[in-house]
Amino acid sequence: MKVEIKKIKPDFMDERGYIHNAFRGEEARQVTVLYTKKGAVRGNHYHTGRDPSNNPEKFLLIQGRMKFYAKDLKSGEEMEEIIDDMTEIRIWPFVFHRFEALKDSVMIEYREREYDRNDPDTISP
């Protein structure tokens, strides 16, 4: 299955907290902040990859706890994993995915091009 989940380690840490440089070396046209309330679901769709921002789609769960579910529509392989603070998720085309917030959560989505509501490259079965 073409999904990567990786726990992120800070680039710098001291008594004040930490710093992480997300998606270093990659160019962005848009960074979207997603605040998700406990019990809410995001996703429930897949992408074709026509939009380069979805090939792969990139998220960083900054704070919170979520149940992540994915199903590869080509192989039928399924996975479910609990993710929490500072976890990076990359999802390739034709992988159905869903995030369920187990507590209030904040994620960022990194995009190579600006999101176009009229041409979303999102398919909800």
Foldseek 3Di string as FASTA:
>chain_A
DPKDKDADDFPDQDPVGGHHDPPPPDDFPDKAKDKDAAFDKDFLWFFQCPFVCVQPKKKFWAAAKKWKWKAQQVPRDIDIDIDGHRMMMIHHGRIRMMIHTNHTTMMMITGRDDADPVDHRIGRD
